[in-house]
Amino acid sequence: MSKPQPKPLPKYIKLEADRVTVTLTKPAELNGITQDQITLRAPTVRDVRNASKVANGDEEEREMNLFASLAEVGVKDLDGLAYKDYTRLQDGYFRLVYGDEL
């Protein structure tokens, strides 16, 4: 029996060992600059713990804080993304963190 192959990487994701860059469907304002991509650096345990502390058990809030920290943008910037682009960001994050396990 052969090992299942991971899903191919979507064209909107550029995955590197220590970061993932996600191309947005439409430009968004991030830190006051209009951009068509967001890059997340790989998280540390400290990043995840800090995001959890701030969120007080709210998983949605934890994820938003974590992504904002990894992208070095404000949570309000992520709030302004099209939902499709936010789901792309989630996909990129999970591929960065879990890699071949997907």
PDB file of N, CA and C in Angstrom:
ATOM      1  N   MET A   1       0.851  -1.176   0.000  1.00  0.00           N
ATOM      2  CA  MET A   1       0.000   0.000   0.000  1.00  0.00           C
ATOM      3  C   MET A   1       0.893   1.235   0.000  1.00  0.00           C
ATOM      4  N   SER A   2       0.647   2.170  -0.885  1.00  0.00           N
ATOM      5  CA  SER A   2       1.493   3.365  -0.992  1.00  0.00           C
ATOM      6  C   SER A   2       0.982   4.483  -0.083  1.00  0.00           C
ATOM      7  N   LYS A   3       1.923   5.318   0.309  1.00  0.00           N
ATOM      8  CA  LYS A   3       1.603   6.458   1.170  1.00  0.00           C
ATOM      9  C   LYS A   3       0.822   7.494   0.365  1.00  0.00           C
ATOM     10  N   PRO A   4      -0.259   8.059   0.929  1.00  0.00           N
ATOM     11  CA  PRO A   4      -1.010   9.087   0.186  1.00  0.00           C
ATOM     12  C   PRO A   4      -0.125  10.297  -0.075  1.00  0.00           C
ATOM     13  N   GLN A   5      -0.277  10.864  -1.242  1.00  0.00           N
ATOM     14  CA  GLN A   5       0.498  12.035  -1.626  1.00  0.00           C
ATOM     15  C   GLN A   5      -0.177  13.297  -1.103  1.00  0.00           C
ATOM     16  N   PRO A   6       0.635  14.284  -0.640  1.00  0.00           N
ATOM     17  CA  PRO A   6       0.036  15.541  -0.196  1.00  0.00           C
ATOM     18  C   PRO A   6      -0.628  16.257  -1.372  1.00  0.00           C
ATOM     19  N   LYS A   7      -1.634  17.047  -1.043  1.00  0.00           N
ATOM     20  CA  LYS A   7      -2.306  17.827  -2.075  1.00  0.00           C
ATOM     21  C   LYS A   7      -1.307  18.784  -2.714  1.00  0.00           C
ATOM     22  N   PRO A   8      -1.422  19.006  -4.024  1.00  0.00           N
ATOM     23  CA  PRO A   8      -0.499  19.952  -4.652  1.00  0.00           C
ATOM     24  C   PRO A   8      -0.693  21.363  -4.090  1.00  0.00           C
ATOM     25  N   LEU A   9       0.371  22.109  -4.086  1.00  0.00           N
ATOM     26  CA  LEU A   9       0.345  23.475  -3.576  1.00  0.00           C
ATOM     27  C   LEU A   9      -0.444  24.372  -4.528  1.00  0.00           C
ATOM     28  N   PRO A  10      -1.430  25.105  -4.022  1.00  0.00           N
ATOM     29  CA  PRO A  10      -2.164  26.032  -4.897  1.00  0.00           C
ATOM     30  C   PRO A  10      -1.226  27.116  -5.428  1.00  0.00           C
ATOM     31  N   LYS A  11      -1.577  27.668  -6.569  1.00  0.00           N
ATOM     32  CA  LYS A  11      -0.740  28.703  -7.193  1.00  0.00           C
ATOM     33  C   LYS A  11      -0.611  29.951  -6.328  1.00  0.00           C
ATOM     34  N   TYR A  12      -1.579  30.193  -5.460  1.00  0.00           N
ATOM     35  CA  TYR A  12      -1.549  31.408  -4.643  1.00  0.00           C
ATOM     36  C   TYR A  12      -0.644  31.286  -3.414  1.00  0.00           C
ATOM     37  N   ILE A  13      -0.029  30.116  -3.201  1.00  0.00           N
ATOM     38  CA  ILE A  13       0.846  29.909  -2.043  1.00  0.00           C
ATOM     39  C   ILE A  13       2.283  29.684  -2.492  1.00  0.00           C
ATOM     40  N   LYS A  14       3.199  30.441  -1.889  1.00  0.00           N
ATOM     41  CA  LYS A  14       4.634  30.207  -2.070  1.00  0.00           C
ATOM     42  C   LYS A  14       5.161  29.784  -0.696  1.00  0.00           C
ATOM     43  N   LEU A  15       5.529  28.520  -0.571  1.00  0.00           N
ATOM     44  CA  LEU A  15       5.938  27.949   0.704  1.00  0.00           C
ATOM     45  C   LEU A  15       7.451  27.803   0.766  1.00  0.00           C
ATOM     46  N   GLU A  16       8.034  28.327   1.837  1.00  0.00           N
ATOM     47  CA  GLU A  16       9.455  28.168   2.116  1.00  0.00           C
ATOM     48  C   GLU A  16       9.583  27.550   3.503  1.00  0.00           C
ATOM     49  N   ALA A  17      10.778  27.156   3.898  1.00  0.00           N
ATOM     50  CA  ALA A  17      10.966  26.481   5.180  1.00  0.00           C
ATOM     51  C   ALA A  17      10.554  27.349   6.366  1.00  0.00           C
ATOM     52  N   ASP A  18      10.775  28.653   6.268  1.00  0.00           N
ATOM     53  CA  ASP A  18      10.526  29.534   7.415  1.00  0.00           C
ATOM     54  C   ASP A  18       9.450  30.578   7.173  1.00  0.00           C
ATOM     55  N   ARG A  19       8.724  30.470   6.053  1.00  0.00           N
ATOM     56  CA  ARG A  19       7.662  31.452   5.776  1.00  0.00           C
ATOM     57  C   ARG A  19       6.767  30.948   4.655  1.00  0.00           C
ATOM     58  N   VAL A  20       5.601  31.561   4.579  1.00  0.00           N
ATOM     59  CA  VAL A  20       4.679  31.301   3.484  1.00  0.00           C
ATOM     60  C   VAL A  20       4.172  32.656   2.989  1.00  0.00           C
ATOM     61  N   THR A  21       4.107  32.805   1.682  1.00  0.00           N
ATOM     62  CA  THR A  21       3.569  34.017   1.075  1.00  0.00           C
ATOM     63  C   THR A  21       2.290  33.647   0.339  1.00  0.00           C
ATOM     64  N   VAL A  22       1.231  34.396   0.630  1.00  0.00           N
ATOM     65  CA  VAL A  22      -0.087  34.137   0.061  1.00  0.00           C
ATOM     66  C   VAL A  22      -0.470  35.316  -0.828  1.00  0.00           C
ATOM     67  N   THR A  23      -0.815  35.017  -2.074  1.00  0.00           N
ATOM     68  CA  THR A  23      -1.297  36.047  -2.995  1.00  0.00           C
ATOM     69  C   THR A  23      -2.800  36.209  -2.779  1.00  0.00           C
ATOM     70  N   LEU A  24      -3.222  37.453  -2.609  1.00  0.00           N
ATOM     71  CA  LEU A  24      -4.631  37.774  -2.358  1.00  0.00           C
ATOM     72  C   LEU A  24      -5.414  37.860  -3.662  1.00  0.00           C
ATOM     73  N   THR A  25      -6.720  37.689  -3.583  1.00  0.00           N
ATOM     74  CA  THR A  25      -7.558  37.808  -4.778  1.00  0.00           C
ATOM     75  C   THR A  25      -7.715  39.265  -5.194  1.00  0.00           C
ATOM     76  N   LYS A  26      -7.576  40.159  -4.202  1.00  0.00           N
ATOM     77  CA  LYS A  26      -7.612  41.593  -4.492  1.00  0.00           C
ATOM     78  C   LYS A  26      -6.703  42.299  -3.491  1.00  0.00           C
ATOM     79  N   PRO A  27      -6.077  43.386  -3.887  1.00  0.00           N
ATOM     80  CA  PRO A  27      -5.176  44.086  -2.964  1.00  0.00           C
ATOM     81  C   PRO A  27      -5.904  44.536  -1.697  1.00  0.00           C
ATOM     82  N   ALA A  28      -5.147  44.560  -0.603  1.00  0.00           N
ATOM     83  CA  ALA A  28      -5.683  44.978   0.691  1.00  0.00           C
ATOM     84  C   ALA A  28      -4.710  45.958   1.334  1.00  0.00           C
ATOM     85  N   GLU A  29      -5.240  46.798   2.209  1.00  0.00           N
ATOM     86  CA  GLU A  29      -4.393  47.750   2.918  1.00  0.00           C
ATOM     87  C   GLU A  29      -3.843  47.080   4.179  1.00  0.00           C
ATOM     88  N   LEU A  30      -2.522  47.002   4.241  1.00  0.00           N
ATOM     89  CA  LEU A  30      -1.824  46.387   5.372  1.00  0.00           C
ATOM     90  C   LEU A  30      -0.783  47.372   5.865  1.00  0.00           C
ATOM     91  N   ASN A  31      -0.911  47.802   7.105  1.00  0.00           N
ATOM     92  CA  ASN A  31      -0.016  48.817   7.668  1.00  0.00           C
ATOM     93  C   ASN A  31       0.008  50.089   6.816  1.00  0.00           C
ATOM     94  N   GLY A  32      -1.159  50.438   6.264  1.00  0.00           N
ATOM     95  CA  GLY A  32      -1.286  51.664   5.492  1.00  0.00           C
ATOM     96  C   GLY A  32      -0.780  51.579   4.062  1.00  0.00           C
ATOM     97  N   ILE A  33      -0.361  50.397   3.621  1.00  0.00           N
ATOM     98  CA  ILE A  33       0.174  50.212   2.269  1.00  0.00           C
ATOM     99  C   ILE A  33      -0.692  49.171   1.555  1.00  0.00           C
ATOM    100  N   THR A  34      -1.098  49.470   0.327  1.00  0.00           N
ATOM    101  CA  THR A  34      -1.883  48.528  -0.452  1.00  0.00           C
ATOM    102  C   THR A  34      -0.960  47.430  -0.969  1.00  0.00           C
ATOM    103  N   GLN A  35      -1.315  46.176  -0.649  1.00  0.00           N
ATOM    104  CA  GLN A  35      -0.487  45.034  -1.030  1.00  0.00           C
ATOM    105  C   GLN A  35      -1.353  43.923  -1.610  1.00  0.00           C
ATOM    106  N   ASP A  36      -0.737  43.102  -2.468  1.00  0.00           N
ATOM    107  CA  ASP A  36      -1.479  41.982  -3.039  1.00  0.00           C
ATOM    108  C   ASP A  36      -0.991  40.641  -2.503  1.00  0.00           C
ATOM    109  N   GLN A  37      -0.090  40.674  -1.516  1.00  0.00           N
ATOM    110  CA  GLN A  37       0.412  39.456  -0.890  1.00  0.00           C
ATOM    111  C   GLN A  37       0.591  39.688   0.610  1.00  0.00           C
ATOM    112  N   ILE A  38       0.504  38.604   1.364  1.00  0.00           N
ATOM    113  CA  ILE A  38       0.810  38.628   2.795  1.00  0.00           C
ATOM    114  C   ILE A  38       1.790  37.490   3.060  1.00  0.00           C
ATOM    115  N   THR A  39       2.840  37.799   3.820  1.00  0.00           N
ATOM    116  CA  THR A  39       3.807  36.780   4.209  1.00  0.00           C
ATOM    117  C   THR A  39       3.700  36.535   5.707  1.00  0.00           C
ATOM    118  N   LEU A  40       3.590  35.263   6.067  1.00  0.00           N
ATOM    119  CA  LEU A  40       3.608  34.847   7.465  1.00  0.00           C
ATOM    120  C   LEU A  40       4.937  34.150   7.730  1.00  0.00           C
ATOM    121  N   ARG A  41       5.631  34.556   8.784  1.00  0.00           N
ATOM    122  CA  ARG A  41       6.837  33.814   9.172  1.00  0.00           C
ATOM    123  C   ARG A  41       6.403  32.601   9.970  1.00  0.00           C
ATOM    124  N   ALA A  42       7.275  31.620  10.079  1.00  0.00           N
ATOM    125  CA  ALA A  42       6.962  30.422  10.861  1.00  0.00           C
ATOM    126  C   ALA A  42       6.811  30.803  12.332  1.00  0.00           C
ATOM    127  N   PRO A  43       5.797  30.277  12.994  1.00  0.00           N
ATOM    128  CA  PRO A  43       5.576  30.631  14.402  1.00  0.00           C
ATOM    129  C   PRO A  43       6.544  29.905  15.331  1.00  0.00           C
ATOM    130  N   THR A  44       6.783  30.532  16.459  1.00  0.00           N
ATOM    131  CA  THR A  44       7.502  29.886  17.544  1.00  0.00           C
ATOM    132  C   THR A  44       6.471  29.454  18.585  1.00  0.00           C
ATOM    133  N   VAL A  45       6.890  28.645  19.517  1.00  0.00           N
ATOM    134  CA  VAL A  45       6.001  28.263  20.604  1.00  0.00           C
ATOM    135  C   VAL A  45       5.560  29.518  21.355  1.00  0.00           C
ATOM    136  N   ARG A  46       6.475  30.462  21.540  1.00  0.00           N
ATOM    137  CA  ARG A  46       6.159  31.717  22.231  1.00  0.00           C
ATOM    138  C   ARG A  46       5.039  32.471  21.513  1.00  0.00           C
ATOM    139  N   ASP A  47       5.100  32.520  20.176  1.00  0.00           N
ATOM    140  CA  ASP A  47       4.048  33.205  19.408  1.00  0.00           C
ATOM    141  C   ASP A  47       2.680  32.607  19.702  1.00  0.00           C
ATOM    142  N   VAL A  48       2.610  31.282  19.682  1.00  0.00           N
ATOM    143  CA  VAL A  48       1.331  30.597  19.894  1.00  0.00           C
ATOM    144  C   VAL A  48       0.841  30.820  21.326  1.00  0.00           C
ATOM    145  N   ARG A  49       1.739  30.729  22.276  1.00  0.00           N
ATOM    146  CA  ARG A  49       1.358  30.944  23.683  1.00  0.00           C
ATOM    147  C   ARG A  49       0.875  32.370  23.922  1.00  0.00           C
ATOM    148  N   ASN A  50       1.583  33.351  23.355  1.00  0.00           N
ATOM    149  CA  ASN A  50       1.175  34.750  23.524  1.00  0.00           C
ATOM    150  C   ASN A  50      -0.191  35.012  22.911  1.00  0.00           C
ATOM    151  N   ALA A  51      -0.440  34.465  21.727  1.00  0.00           N
ATOM    152  CA  ALA A  51      -1.743  34.653  21.083  1.00  0.00           C
ATOM    153  C   ALA A  51      -2.851  34.025  21.928  1.00  0.00           C
ATOM    154  N   SER A  52      -2.551  32.879  22.534  1.00  0.00           N
ATOM    155  CA  SER A  52      -3.546  32.206  23.384  1.00  0.00           C
ATOM    156  C   SER A  52      -3.840  33.018  24.643  1.00  0.00           C
ATOM    157  N   LYS A  53      -2.821  33.606  25.241  1.00  0.00           N
ATOM    158  CA  LYS A  53      -3.009  34.407  26.456  1.00  0.00           C
ATOM    159  C   LYS A  53      -3.926  35.594  26.199  1.00  0.00           C
ATOM    160  N   VAL A  54      -3.697  36.271  25.095  1.00  0.00           N
ATOM    161  CA  VAL A  54      -4.465  37.468  24.758  1.00  0.00           C
ATOM    162  C   VAL A  54      -5.922  37.125  24.456  1.00  0.00           C
ATOM    163  N   ALA A  55      -6.155  35.943  23.901  1.00  0.00           N
ATOM    164  CA  ALA A  55      -7.497  35.572  23.435  1.00  0.00           C
ATOM    165  C   ALA A  55      -8.421  35.068  24.533  1.00  0.00           C
ATOM    166  N   ASN A  56      -7.920  34.716  25.699  1.00  0.00           N
ATOM    167  CA  ASN A  56      -8.754  34.219  26.803  1.00  0.00           C
ATOM    168  C   ASN A  56      -9.711  33.103  26.380  1.00  0.00           C
ATOM    169  N   GLY A  57      -9.208  32.104  25.663  1.00  0.00           N
ATOM    170  CA  GLY A  57     -10.025  30.949  25.283  1.00  0.00           C
ATOM    171  C   GLY A  57     -10.830  31.107  24.007  1.00  0.00           C
ATOM    172  N   ASP A  58     -10.808  32.267  23.384  1.00  0.00           N
ATOM    173  CA  ASP A  58     -11.540  32.492  22.138  1.00  0.00           C
ATOM    174  C   ASP A  58     -10.633  32.077  20.973  1.00  0.00           C
ATOM    175  N   GLU A  59     -10.942  30.933  20.345  1.00  0.00           N
ATOM    176  CA  GLU A  59     -10.086  30.385  19.285  1.00  0.00           C
ATOM    177  C   GLU A  59      -9.973  31.306  18.070  1.00  0.00           C
ATOM    178  N   GLU A  60     -11.069  31.942  17.706  1.00  0.00           N
ATOM    179  CA  GLU A  60     -11.054  32.864  16.568  1.00  0.00           C
ATOM    180  C   GLU A  60     -10.124  34.042  16.850  1.00  0.00           C
ATOM    181  N   GLU A  61     -10.221  34.574  18.040  1.00  0.00           N
ATOM    182  CA  GLU A  61      -9.377  35.697  18.447  1.00  0.00           C
ATOM    183  C   GLU A  61      -7.905  35.274  18.527  1.00  0.00           C
ATOM    184  N   ARG A  62      -7.658  34.064  19.010  1.00  0.00           N
ATOM    185  CA  ARG A  62      -6.291  33.550  19.083  1.00  0.00           C
ATOM    186  C   ARG A  62      -5.663  33.483  17.698  1.00  0.00           C
ATOM    187  N   GLU A  63      -6.420  32.938  16.736  1.00  0.00           N
ATOM    188  CA  GLU A  63      -5.904  32.809  15.374  1.00  0.00           C
ATOM    189  C   GLU A  63      -5.633  34.186  14.758  1.00  0.00           C
ATOM    190  N   MET A  64      -6.558  35.115  14.943  1.00  0.00           N
ATOM    191  CA  MET A  64      -6.368  36.462  14.385  1.00  0.00           C
ATOM    192  C   MET A  64      -5.123  37.125  14.967  1.00  0.00           C
ATOM    193  N   ASN A  65      -4.949  37.022  16.280  1.00  0.00           N
ATOM    194  CA  ASN A  65      -3.770  37.612  16.923  1.00  0.00           C
ATOM    195  C   ASN A  65      -2.484  36.941  16.449  1.00  0.00           C
ATOM    196  N   LEU A  66      -2.521  35.625  16.313  1.00  0.00           N
ATOM    197  CA  LEU A  66      -1.342  34.894  15.853  1.00  0.00           C
ATOM    198  C   LEU A  66      -0.983  35.308  14.429  1.00  0.00           C
ATOM    199  N   PHE A  67      -1.950  35.301  13.527  1.00  0.00           N
ATOM    200  CA  PHE A  67      -1.679  35.667  12.135  1.00  0.00           C
ATOM    201  C   PHE A  67      -1.186  37.109  12.032  1.00  0.00           C
ATOM    202  N   ALA A  68      -1.792  38.016  12.787  1.00  0.00           N
ATOM    203  CA  ALA A  68      -1.362  39.418  12.764  1.00  0.00           C
ATOM    204  C   ALA A  68       0.093  39.531  13.219  1.00  0.00           C
ATOM    205  N   SER A  69       0.443  38.815  14.258  1.00  0.00           N
ATOM    206  CA  SER A  69       1.827  38.832  14.754  1.00  0.00           C
ATOM    207  C   SER A  69       2.791  38.267  13.729  1.00  0.00           C
ATOM    208  N   LEU A  70       2.440  37.140  13.119  1.00  0.00           N
ATOM    209  CA  LEU A  70       3.328  36.495  12.146  1.00  0.00           C
ATOM    210  C   LEU A  70       3.488  37.316  10.872  1.00  0.00           C
ATOM    211  N   ALA A  71       2.441  38.070  10.514  1.00  0.00           N
ATOM    212  CA  ALA A  71       2.491  38.909   9.311  1.00  0.00           C
ATOM    213  C   ALA A  71       3.000  40.317   9.613  1.00  0.00           C
ATOM    214  N   GLU A  72       3.113  40.643  10.913  1.00  0.00           N
ATOM    215  CA  GLU A  72       3.511  41.978  11.353  1.00  0.00           C
ATOM    216  C   GLU A  72       2.578  43.057  10.816  1.00  0.00           C
ATOM    217  N   VAL A  73       1.272  42.765  10.973  1.00  0.00           N
ATOM    218  CA  VAL A  73       0.221  43.716  10.615  1.00  0.00           C
ATOM    219  C   VAL A  73      -0.745  43.793  11.799  1.00  0.00           C
ATOM    220  N   GLY A  74      -1.659  44.736  11.749  1.00  0.00           N
ATOM    221  CA  GLY A  74      -2.653  44.856  12.803  1.00  0.00           C
ATOM    222  C   GLY A  74      -3.810  43.891  12.593  1.00  0.00           C
ATOM    223  N   VAL A  75      -4.458  43.522  13.683  1.00  0.00           N
ATOM    224  CA  VAL A  75      -5.635  42.664  13.606  1.00  0.00           C
ATOM    225  C   VAL A  75      -6.701  43.333  12.738  1.00  0.00           C
ATOM    226  N   LYS A  76      -6.820  44.660  12.830  1.00  0.00           N
ATOM    227  CA  LYS A  76      -7.812  45.379  12.019  1.00  0.00           C
ATOM    228  C   LYS A  76      -7.530  45.227  10.529  1.00  0.00           C
ATOM    229  N   ASP A  77      -6.244  45.123  10.162  1.00  0.00           N
ATOM    230  CA  ASP A  77      -5.899  44.894   8.749  1.00  0.00           C
ATOM    231  C   ASP A  77      -6.451  43.544   8.291  1.00  0.00           C
ATOM    232  N   LEU A  78      -6.288  42.523   9.120  1.00  0.00           N
ATOM    233  CA  LEU A  78      -6.804  41.199   8.764  1.00  0.00           C
ATOM    234  C   LEU A  78      -8.327  41.188   8.749  1.00  0.00           C
ATOM    235  N   ASP A  79      -8.950  41.942   9.657  1.00  0.00           N
ATOM    236  CA  ASP A  79     -10.412  42.060   9.669  1.00  0.00           C
ATOM    237  C   ASP A  79     -10.943  42.621   8.355  1.00  0.00           C
ATOM    238  N   GLY A  80     -10.158  43.441   7.683  1.00  0.00           N
ATOM    239  CA  GLY A  80     -10.588  44.067   6.440  1.00  0.00           C
ATOM    240  C   GLY A  80     -10.392  43.210   5.200  1.00  0.00           C
ATOM    241  N   LEU A  81      -9.775  42.033   5.352  1.00  0.00           N
ATOM    242  CA  LEU A  81      -9.568  41.159   4.195  1.00  0.00           C
ATOM    243  C   LEU A  81     -10.882  40.564   3.715  1.00  0.00           C
ATOM    244  N   ALA A  82     -10.956  40.295   2.421  1.00  0.00           N
ATOM    245  CA  ALA A  82     -12.075  39.506   1.895  1.00  0.00           C
ATOM    246  C   ALA A  82     -11.997  38.133   2.558  1.00  0.00           C
ATOM    247  N   TYR A  83     -13.143  37.534   2.852  1.00  0.00           N
ATOM    248  CA  TYR A  83     -13.130  36.245   3.545  1.00  0.00           C
ATOM    249  C   TYR A  83     -12.366  35.192   2.746  1.00  0.00           C
ATOM    250  N   LYS A  84     -12.491  35.223   1.435  1.00  0.00           N
ATOM    251  CA  LYS A  84     -11.766  34.268   0.588  1.00  0.00           C
ATOM    252  C   LYS A  84     -10.259  34.411   0.808  1.00  0.00           C
ATOM    253  N   ASP A  85      -9.784  35.640   0.940  1.00  0.00           N
ATOM    254  CA  ASP A  85      -8.358  35.854   1.172  1.00  0.00           C
ATOM    255  C   ASP A  85      -7.946  35.388   2.566  1.00  0.00           C
ATOM    256  N   TYR A  86      -8.827  35.546   3.540  1.00  0.00           N
ATOM    257  CA  TYR A  86      -8.507  35.065   4.882  1.00  0.00           C
ATOM    258  C   TYR A  86      -8.399  33.536   4.881  1.00  0.00           C
ATOM    259  N   THR A  87      -9.277  32.861   4.147  1.00  0.00           N
ATOM    260  CA  THR A  87      -9.192  31.395   4.082  1.00  0.00           C
ATOM    261  C   THR A  87      -7.919  30.970   3.351  1.00  0.00           C
ATOM    262  N   ARG A  88      -7.477  31.759   2.385  1.00  0.00           N
ATOM    263  CA  ARG A  88      -6.186  31.481   1.737  1.00  0.00           C
ATOM    264  C   ARG A  88      -5.053  31.597   2.754  1.00  0.00           C
ATOM    265  N   LEU A  89      -5.127  32.605   3.604  1.00  0.00           N
ATOM    266  CA  LEU A  89      -4.120  32.801   4.642  1.00  0.00           C
ATOM    267  C   LEU A  89      -4.107  31.610   5.612  1.00  0.00           C
ATOM    268  N   GLN A  90      -5.284  31.145   5.985  1.00  0.00           N
ATOM    269  CA  GLN A  90      -5.368  29.962   6.847  1.00  0.00           C
ATOM    270  C   GLN A  90      -4.722  28.754   6.169  1.00  0.00           C
ATOM    271  N   ASP A  91      -5.022  28.551   4.909  1.00  0.00           N
ATOM    272  CA  ASP A  91      -4.456  27.433   4.150  1.00  0.00           C
ATOM    273  C   ASP A  91      -2.927  27.521   4.130  1.00  0.00           C
ATOM    274  N   GLY A  92      -2.414  28.715   3.858  1.00  0.00           N
ATOM    275  CA  GLY A  92      -0.964  28.900   3.849  1.00  0.00           C
ATOM    276  C   GLY A  92      -0.339  28.610   5.203  1.00  0.00           C
ATOM    277  N   TYR A  93      -0.984  29.077   6.272  1.00  0.00           N
ATOM    278  CA  TYR A  93      -0.476  28.851   7.623  1.00  0.00           C
ATOM    279  C   TYR A  93      -0.411  27.356   7.933  1.00  0.00           C
ATOM    280  N   PHE A  94      -1.487  26.638   7.651  1.00  0.00           N
ATOM    281  CA  PHE A  94      -1.517  25.217   7.972  1.00  0.00           C
ATOM    282  C   PHE A  94      -0.502  24.435   7.148  1.00  0.00           C
ATOM    283  N   ARG A  95      -0.273  24.843   5.911  1.00  0.00           N
ATOM    284  CA  ARG A  95       0.758  24.179   5.109  1.00  0.00           C
ATOM    285  C   ARG A  95       2.149  24.484   5.656  1.00  0.00           C
ATOM    286  N   LEU A  96       2.359  25.704   6.150  1.00  0.00           N
ATOM    287  CA  LEU A  96       3.645  26.077   6.740  1.00  0.00           C
ATOM    288  C   LEU A  96       3.906  25.271   8.006  1.00  0.00           C
ATOM    289  N   VAL A  97       2.904  25.150   8.845  1.00  0.00           N
ATOM    290  CA  VAL A  97       3.073  24.500  10.147  1.00  0.00           C
ATOM    291  C   VAL A  97       3.063  22.969  10.041  1.00  0.00           C
ATOM    292  N   TYR A  98       2.175  22.431   9.213  1.00  0.00           N
ATOM    293  CA  TYR A  98       2.013  20.970   9.173  1.00  0.00           C
ATOM    294  C   TYR A  98       2.673  20.316   7.962  1.00  0.00           C
ATOM    295  N   GLY A  99       3.041  21.102   6.947  1.00  0.00           N
ATOM    296  CA  GLY A  99       3.790  20.595   5.794  1.00  0.00           C
ATOM    297  C   GLY A  99       3.216  19.363   5.154  1.00  0.00           C
ATOM    298  N   ASP A 100       4.011  18.304   5.121  1.00  0.00           N
ATOM    299  CA  ASP A 100       3.653  17.067   4.423  1.00  0.00           C
ATOM    300  C   ASP A 100       2.506  16.300   5.060  1.00  0.00           C
ATOM    301  N   GLU A 101       2.098  16.689   6.254  1.00  0.00           N
ATOM    302  CA  GLU A 101       1.033  15.977   6.928  1.00  0.00           C
ATOM    303  C   GLU A 101      -0.329  16.255   6.294  1.00  0.00           C
ATOM    304  N   LEU A 102      -0.418  17.290   5.455  1.00  0.00           N
ATOM    305  CA  LEU A 102      -1.717  17.638   4.829  1.00  0.00           C
ATOM    306  C   LEU A 102      -1.978  16.792   3.615  1.00  0.00           C
TER     307      LEU A 102
END
